[in-house]
C-alpha atoms as a PDB file:
ATOM      1  CA  UNK A   1     -21.699   2.838   4.234  1.00  0.00           C
ATOM      2  CA  UNK A   2     -18.981   0.447   3.199  1.00  0.00           C
ATOM      3  CA  UNK A   3     -16.181   1.326   0.829  1.00  0.00           C
ATOM      4  CA  UNK A   4     -13.117  -0.253  -0.680  1.00  0.00           C
ATOM      5  CA  UNK A   5      -9.762   1.510  -0.576  1.00  0.00           C
ATOM      6  CA  UNK A   6      -8.184   2.217  -3.986  1.00  0.00           C
ATOM      7  CA  UNK A   7      -4.450   1.572  -4.038  1.00  0.00           C
ATOM      8  CA  UNK A   8      -2.608   4.262  -5.980  1.00  0.00           C
ATOM      9  CA  UNK A   9       1.038   4.343  -6.943  1.00  0.00           C
ATOM     10  CA  UNK A  10       3.337   5.782  -9.596  1.00  0.00           C
ATOM     11  CA  UNK A  11       5.331   3.595 -12.001  1.00  0.00           C
ATOM     12  CA  UNK A  12       8.263   4.075  -9.633  1.00  0.00           C
ATOM     13  CA  UNK A  13       6.196   2.490  -6.834  1.00  0.00           C
ATOM     14  CA  UNK A  14       5.704   5.659  -4.760  1.00  0.00           C
ATOM     15  CA  UNK A  15       2.226   6.283  -3.349  1.00  0.00           C
ATOM     16  CA  UNK A  16       0.878   9.827  -3.755  1.00  0.00           C
ATOM     17  CA  UNK A  17       1.371  12.176  -0.825  1.00  0.00           C
ATOM     18  CA  UNK A  18      -1.438  14.408  -2.097  1.00  0.00           C
ATOM     19  CA  UNK A  19      -4.099  13.966  -4.784  1.00  0.00           C
ATOM     20  CA  UNK A  20      -4.441  17.042  -6.979  1.00  0.00           C
ATOM     21  CA  UNK A  21      -7.625  16.205  -8.899  1.00  0.00           C
ATOM     22  CA  UNK A  22     -10.319  13.585  -9.285  1.00  0.00           C
ATOM     23  CA  UNK A  23     -12.433  13.657 -12.423  1.00  0.00           C
ATOM     24  CA  UNK A  24     -14.434  11.839 -15.080  1.00  0.00           C
ATOM     25  CA  UNK A  25     -13.604  11.461 -18.778  1.00  0.00           C
ATOM     26  CA  UNK A  26     -15.874  11.450 -21.814  1.00  0.00           C
ATOM     27  CA  UNK A  27     -14.939   7.756 -22.146  1.00  0.00           C
ATOM     28  CA  UNK A  28     -16.627   7.049 -18.781  1.00  0.00           C
ATOM     29  CA  UNK A  29     -13.481   6.641 -16.726  1.00  0.00           C
ATOM     30  CA  UNK A  30     -12.574   7.820 -13.254  1.00  0.00           C
ATOM     31  CA  UNK A  31      -9.264   9.742 -13.340  1.00  0.00           C
ATOM     32  CA  UNK A  32      -7.051  10.577 -10.370  1.00  0.00           C
ATOM     33  CA  UNK A  33      -4.187  13.029 -10.893  1.00  0.00           C
ATOM     34  CA  UNK A  34      -1.183  13.746  -8.682  1.00  0.00           C
ATOM     35  CA  UNK A  35       2.482  14.785  -8.701  1.00  0.00           C
ATOM     36  CA  UNK A  36       4.978  12.055  -7.782  1.00  0.00           C
ATOM     37  CA  UNK A  37       7.465  13.480  -5.285  1.00  0.00           C
ATOM     38  CA  UNK A  38       9.889  10.590  -5.824  1.00  0.00           C
ATOM     39  CA  UNK A  39      10.393  10.690  -9.608  1.00  0.00           C
ATOM     40  CA  UNK A  40       9.094  14.258 -10.189  1.00  0.00           C
ATOM     41  CA  UNK A  41       6.422  13.246 -12.712  1.00  0.00           C
ATOM     42  CA  UNK A  42       2.759  14.040 -13.258  1.00  0.00           C
ATOM     43  CA  UNK A  43       0.718  10.867 -12.799  1.00  0.00           C
ATOM     44  CA  UNK A  44      -2.780  10.089 -14.079  1.00  0.00           C
ATOM     45  CA  UNK A  45      -4.427   6.884 -12.901  1.00  0.00           C
ATOM     46  CA  UNK A  46      -7.664   5.907 -14.610  1.00  0.00           C
ATOM     47  CA  UNK A  47     -10.232   3.166 -14.289  1.00  0.00           C
ATOM     48  CA  UNK A  48     -13.454   2.588 -16.203  1.00  0.00           C
ATOM     49  CA  UNK A  49     -16.644   3.303 -14.307  1.00  0.00           C
ATOM     50  CA  UNK A  50     -17.801  -0.230 -15.191  1.00  0.00           C
ATOM     51  CA  UNK A  51     -14.736  -1.613 -13.395  1.00  0.00           C
ATOM     52  CA  UNK A  52     -15.384   0.739 -10.479  1.00  0.00           C
ATOM     53  CA  UNK A  53     -18.958  -0.551 -10.301  1.00  0.00           C
ATOM     54  CA  UNK A  54     -17.755  -4.181 -10.283  1.00  0.00           C
ATOM     55  CA  UNK A  55     -15.158  -3.433  -7.609  1.00  0.00           C
ATOM     56  CA  UNK A  56     -17.662  -1.834  -5.240  1.00  0.00           C
ATOM     57  CA  UNK A  57     -18.088  -3.842  -2.029  1.00  0.00           C
ATOM     58  CA  UNK A  58     -21.342  -5.705  -1.635  1.00  0.00           C
ATOM     59  CA  UNK A  59     -23.684  -4.517   1.058  1.00  0.00           C
ATOM     60  CA  UNK A  60     -23.898  -6.897   4.006  1.00  0.00           C
ATOM     61  CA  UNK A  61     -27.529  -6.034   4.537  1.00  0.00           C
ATOM     62  CA  UNK A  62     -29.997  -5.473   1.767  1.00  0.00           C
ATOM     63  CA  UNK A  63     -32.045  -3.142   3.946  1.00  0.00           C
ATOM     64  CA  UNK A  64     -33.884  -0.389   2.141  1.00  0.00           C
ATOM     65  CA  UNK A  65     -32.335   3.047   2.714  1.00  0.00           C
ATOM     66  CA  UNK A  66     -34.093   5.367   5.103  1.00  0.00           C
ATOM     67  CA  UNK A  67     -36.382   7.775   3.303  1.00  0.00           C
ATOM     68  CA  UNK A  68     -36.116  11.461   4.105  1.00  0.00           C
ATOM     69  CA  UNK A  69     -39.174  13.642   3.623  1.00  0.00           C
ATOM     70  CA  UNK A  70     -38.681  17.115   2.246  1.00  0.00           C
ATOM     71  CA  UNK A  71     -40.526  20.109   3.723  1.00  0.00           C
ATOM     72  CA  UNK A  72     -43.312  21.492   1.562  1.00  0.00           C
ATOM     73  CA  UNK A  73     -42.419  24.616  -0.438  1.00  0.00           C
ATOM     74  CA  UNK A  74     -44.648  27.526  -1.289  1.00  0.00           C
ATOM     75  CA  UNK A  75     -45.703  28.226  -4.896  1.00  0.00           C
ATOM     76  CA  UNK A  76     -43.168  31.092  -5.065  1.00  0.00           C
ATOM     77  CA  UNK A  77     -40.386  28.829  -3.845  1.00  0.00           C
ATOM     78  CA  UNK A  78     -41.376  26.157  -6.384  1.00  0.00           C
ATOM     79  CA  UNK A  79     -41.341  28.688  -9.237  1.00  0.00           C
ATOM     80  CA  UNK A  80     -37.921  30.043  -8.228  1.00  0.00           C
ATOM     81  CA  UNK A  81     -36.542  26.533  -7.767  1.00  0.00           C
ATOM     82  CA  UNK A  82     -38.022  25.358 -11.063  1.00  0.00           C
ATOM     83  CA  UNK A  83     -36.250  28.155 -12.939  1.00  0.00           C
ATOM     84  CA  UNK A  84     -32.892  27.142 -11.461  1.00  0.00           C
ATOM     85  CA  UNK A  85     -33.554  23.450 -12.110  1.00  0.00           C
ATOM     86  CA  UNK A  86     -34.612  24.156 -15.704  1.00  0.00           C
ATOM     87  CA  UNK A  87     -31.446  26.161 -16.399  1.00  0.00           C
ATOM     88  CA  UNK A  88     -29.264  23.489 -14.811  1.00  0.00           C
ATOM     89  CA  UNK A  89     -30.863  20.687 -16.840  1.00  0.00           C
ATOM     90  CA  UNK A  90     -30.546  22.698 -20.053  1.00  0.00           C
ATOM     91  CA  UNK A  91     -26.844  23.296 -19.305  1.00  0.00           C
ATOM     92  CA  UNK A  92     -26.450  19.502 -19.266  1.00  0.00           C
ATOM     93  CA  UNK A  93     -28.240  19.217 -22.626  1.00  0.00           C
ATOM     94  CA  UNK A  94     -31.454  17.826 -21.178  1.00  0.00           C
ATOM     95  CA  UNK A  95     -34.720  19.107 -22.656  1.00  0.00           C
ATOM     96  CA  UNK A  96     -37.907  19.014 -20.655  1.00  0.00           C
ATOM     97  CA  UNK A  97     -40.966  17.064 -21.791  1.00  0.00           C
ATOM     98  CA  UNK A  98     -43.146  20.156 -22.192  1.00  0.00           C
ATOM     99  CA  UNK A  99     -40.495  21.667 -24.514  1.00  0.00           C
ATOM    100  CA  UNK A 100     -40.384  18.646 -26.843  1.00  0.00           C
END
């Protein structure tokens, strides 16, 4: 897996010694938060996810990823898993087709 390093620095030019949080905004931006030891300020660096997507390095090989097969579950395991999955999807505001 290739990746590109993101350069982070405060307005004073100091690079973070520790990143406190990484998150996503409702405006579809990646946000990185840290405390600048040099100028004693809270710093938030943000970048749109579209820009992040464009900045991603290109794969040198276009090989298809290796597929991993999942072990078969029993009917009881499927029912228990389905309940968890249903609750998780609903918490994200996603309704299932059979509920529509």
